[in-house]
C-alpha atoms as a PDB file:
ATOM      1  CA  MET A   1      55.479 159.495 103.147  1.00  0.00           C
ATOM      2  CA  PRO A   2      53.781 158.096 106.033  1.00  0.00           C
ATOM      3  CA  LYS A   3      56.110 156.295 108.879  1.00  0.00           C
ATOM      4  CA  GLY A   4      55.411 153.795 111.544  1.00  0.00           C
ATOM      5  CA  LYS A   5      53.394 150.267 110.076  1.00  0.00           C
ATOM      6  CA  MET A   6      50.250 151.169 108.335  1.00  0.00           C
ATOM      7  CA  LYS A   7      46.469 150.589 109.878  1.00  0.00           C
ATOM      8  CA  GLU A   8      45.654 147.450 109.670  1.00  0.00           C
ATOM      9  CA  THR A   9      41.514 146.608 108.340  1.00  0.00           C
ATOM     10  CA  PRO A  10      39.158 144.239 109.983  1.00  0.00           C
ATOM     11  CA  GLU A  11      39.509 142.367 105.873  1.00  0.00           C
ATOM     12  CA  ASP A  12      43.763 143.019 106.568  1.00  0.00           C
ATOM     13  CA  GLN A  13      43.475 141.018 109.695  1.00  0.00           C
ATOM     14  CA  ALA A  14      41.223 137.744 107.460  1.00  0.00           C
ATOM     15  CA  VAL A  15      43.196 137.461 105.069  1.00  0.00           C
ATOM     16  CA  THR A  16      46.619 137.817 106.828  1.00  0.00           C
ATOM     17  CA  LYS A  17      44.538 134.888 109.124  1.00  0.00           C
ATOM     18  CA  LYS A  18      44.118 133.099 105.588  1.00  0.00           C
ATOM     19  CA  ALA A  19      46.840 132.859 104.574  1.00  0.00           C
ATOM     20  CA  LEU A  20      48.688 131.748 107.715  1.00  0.00           C
ATOM     21  CA  GLU A  21      46.210 129.338 108.265  1.00  0.00           C
ATOM     22  CA  ASN A  22      46.592 127.447 104.798  1.00  0.00           C
ATOM     23  CA  SER A  23      50.467 127.480 105.688  1.00  0.00           C
ATOM     24  CA  GLY A  24      50.360 125.766 109.033  1.00  0.00           C
ATOM     25  CA  ALA A  25      48.321 123.370 107.609  1.00  0.00           C
ATOM     26  CA  THR A  26      50.982 122.580 104.348  1.00  0.00           C
ATOM     27  CA  LEU A  27      53.791 123.019 107.172  1.00  0.00           C
ATOM     28  CA  LEU A  28      51.600 119.896 109.375  1.00  0.00           C
ATOM     29  CA  ALA A  29      51.300 118.003 105.992  1.00  0.00           C
ATOM     30  CA  PHE A  30      55.097 118.177 105.638  1.00  0.00           C
ATOM     31  CA  VAL A  31      55.684 117.424 109.241  1.00  0.00           C
ATOM     32  CA  GLU A  32      53.561 114.640 108.949  1.00  0.00           C
ATOM     33  CA  GLY A  33      54.736 113.290 106.121  1.00  0.00           C
ATOM     34  CA  ILE A  34      57.696 113.814 107.522  1.00  0.00           C
ATOM     35  CA  GLU A  35      56.941 111.492 111.294  1.00  0.00           C
ATOM     36  CA  GLU A  36      56.014 109.159 109.546  1.00  0.00           C
ATOM     37  CA  LEU A  37      58.619 108.081 107.344  1.00  0.00           C
ATOM     38  CA  ASP A  38      60.484 107.752 110.501  1.00  0.00           C
ATOM     39  CA  GLY A  39      59.166 105.749 112.154  1.00  0.00           C
ATOM     40  CA  ARG A  40      59.044 103.757 108.933  1.00  0.00           C
ATOM     41  CA  ALA A  41      62.483 104.012 108.532  1.00  0.00           C
ATOM     42  CA  ALA A  42      62.483 103.006 112.752  1.00  0.00           C
ATOM     43  CA  GLU A  43      60.738 100.529 112.021  1.00  0.00           C
ATOM     44  CA  LEU A  44      62.985  99.191 109.056  1.00  0.00           C
ATOM     45  CA  LYS A  45      65.957  99.597 110.295  1.00  0.00           C
ATOM     46  CA  GLU A  46      64.984  97.223 113.630  1.00  0.00           C
ATOM     47  CA  GLN A  47      64.021  94.932 110.541  1.00  0.00           C
ATOM     48  CA  ARG A  48      67.271  95.019 109.833  1.00  0.00           C
ATOM     49  CA  ARG A  49      69.135  94.530 113.068  1.00  0.00           C
ATOM     50  CA  ALA A  50      66.674  91.228 112.676  1.00  0.00           C
ATOM     51  CA  LYS A  51      68.229  90.008 109.827  1.00  0.00           C
ATOM     52  CA  LEU A  52      71.961  90.478 111.384  1.00  0.00           C
ATOM     53  CA  ALA A  53      71.250  88.909 114.170  1.00  0.00           C
ATOM     54  CA  ALA A  54      69.215  85.868 112.322  1.00  0.00           C
ATOM     55  CA  ALA A  55      72.741  85.830 110.004  1.00  0.00           C
ATOM     56  CA  LYS A  56      74.517  85.587 113.133  1.00  0.00           C
ATOM     57  CA  SER A  57      72.758  82.829 114.939  1.00  0.00           C
ATOM     58  CA  GLU A  58      73.548  80.801 111.725  1.00  0.00           C
ATOM     59  CA  GLY A  59      77.216  81.062 112.643  1.00  0.00           C
ATOM     60  CA  TYR A  60      77.823  84.056 109.519  1.00  0.00           C
ATOM     61  CA  ASP A  61      80.207  86.897 110.226  1.00  0.00           C
ATOM     62  CA  PRO A  62      77.019  90.136 110.223  1.00  0.00           C
ATOM     63  CA  LYS A  63      80.496  93.300 110.139  1.00  0.00           C
ATOM     64  CA  ALA A  64      81.417  91.242 106.702  1.00  0.00           C
ATOM     65  CA  ILE A  65      77.593  91.356 105.419  1.00  0.00           C
ATOM     66  CA  LYS A  66      77.583  94.205 106.008  1.00  0.00           C
ATOM     67  CA  GLN A  67      80.822  94.781 104.126  1.00  0.00           C
ATOM     68  CA  VAL A  68      79.252  92.532 101.143  1.00  0.00           C
ATOM     69  CA  ILE A  69      76.166  94.714 100.915  1.00  0.00           C
ATOM     70  CA  LYS A  70      78.264  97.760 100.724  1.00  0.00           C
ATOM     71  CA  ARG A  71      80.109  96.693  97.671  1.00  0.00           C
ATOM     72  CA  ARG A  72      77.047  95.470  95.766  1.00  0.00           C
ATOM     73  CA  ALA A  73      75.933  98.936  96.175  1.00  0.00           C
ATOM     74  CA  GLU A  74      79.359 100.589  94.965  1.00  0.00           C
ATOM     75  CA  THR A  75      79.394 102.089  91.222  1.00  0.00           C
ATOM     76  CA  SER A  76      82.171 100.693  89.178  1.00  0.00           C
ATOM     77  CA  GLU A  77      84.340 103.776  89.730  1.00  0.00           C
ATOM     78  CA  GLN A  78      83.728 103.297  93.639  1.00  0.00           C
ATOM     79  CA  ALA A  79      85.295  99.628  93.247  1.00  0.00           C
ATOM     80  CA  ALA A  80      87.691 100.646  91.347  1.00  0.00           C
ATOM     81  CA  ALA A  81      88.976 103.180  94.078  1.00  0.00           C
ATOM     82  CA  ARG A  82      89.044 100.903  97.035  1.00  0.00           C
ATOM     83  CA  ALA A  83      91.056  98.491  94.786  1.00  0.00           C
ATOM     84  CA  GLU A  84      93.632 101.905  93.893  1.00  0.00           C
ATOM     85  CA  LEU A  85      93.231 102.666  98.062  1.00  0.00           C
ATOM     86  CA  SER A  86      93.813  98.897  99.113  1.00  0.00           C
ATOM     87  CA  ALA A  87      97.612  97.896  97.204  1.00  0.00           C
ATOM     88  CA  VAL A  88      98.411 101.329  98.290  1.00  0.00           C
ATOM     89  CA  ALA A  89      97.890 100.450 101.615  1.00  0.00           C
ATOM     90  CA  ASP A  90      98.981  96.559 100.858  1.00  0.00           C
ATOM     91  CA  LEU A  91     102.233  98.599  99.901  1.00  0.00           C
ATOM     92  CA  TYR A  92     102.692 100.702 102.478  1.00  0.00           C
ATOM     93  CA  PHE A  93     102.469  98.313 105.505  1.00  0.00           C
ATOM     94  CA  VAL A  94     105.247  96.000 103.091  1.00  0.00           C
ATOM     95  CA  ALA A  95     107.173  99.011 103.513  1.00  0.00           C
ATOM     96  CA  VAL A  96     106.153  99.511 107.126  1.00  0.00           C
ATOM     97  CA  THR A  97     107.263  96.022 107.628  1.00  0.00           C
ATOM     98  CA  ASP A  98     110.659  95.679 106.209  1.00  0.00           C
ATOM     99  CA  ALA A  99     111.832  98.682 107.439  1.00  0.00           C
ATOM    100  CA  GLU A 100     110.204  96.650 111.183  1.00  0.00           C
ATOM    101  CA  ASN A 101     112.416  94.227 110.248  1.00  0.00           C
ATOM    102  CA  ALA A 102     115.806  95.992 108.852  1.00  0.00           C
END
């Protein structure tokens, strides 16, 4: 069994070069695609900010609007879990308030 690296022929080098060129081109396409998506995401984020600012200028509370959007996106299971957590938190609050007034 030979020790060390096998001698690379010019044909081997050409195959390696071609493979790296193809791989590099594919990788570049992925990177450029992701960069394009990042740019579009930044534009959408700015549009979202502008919509919230417009709502605020009309007297609406942006934090409340964000909560409405979040709730509308919830599944029924998520809504049930949120309601349960809220009920437990309310119960804890009553217990703490009663303990302070005792």
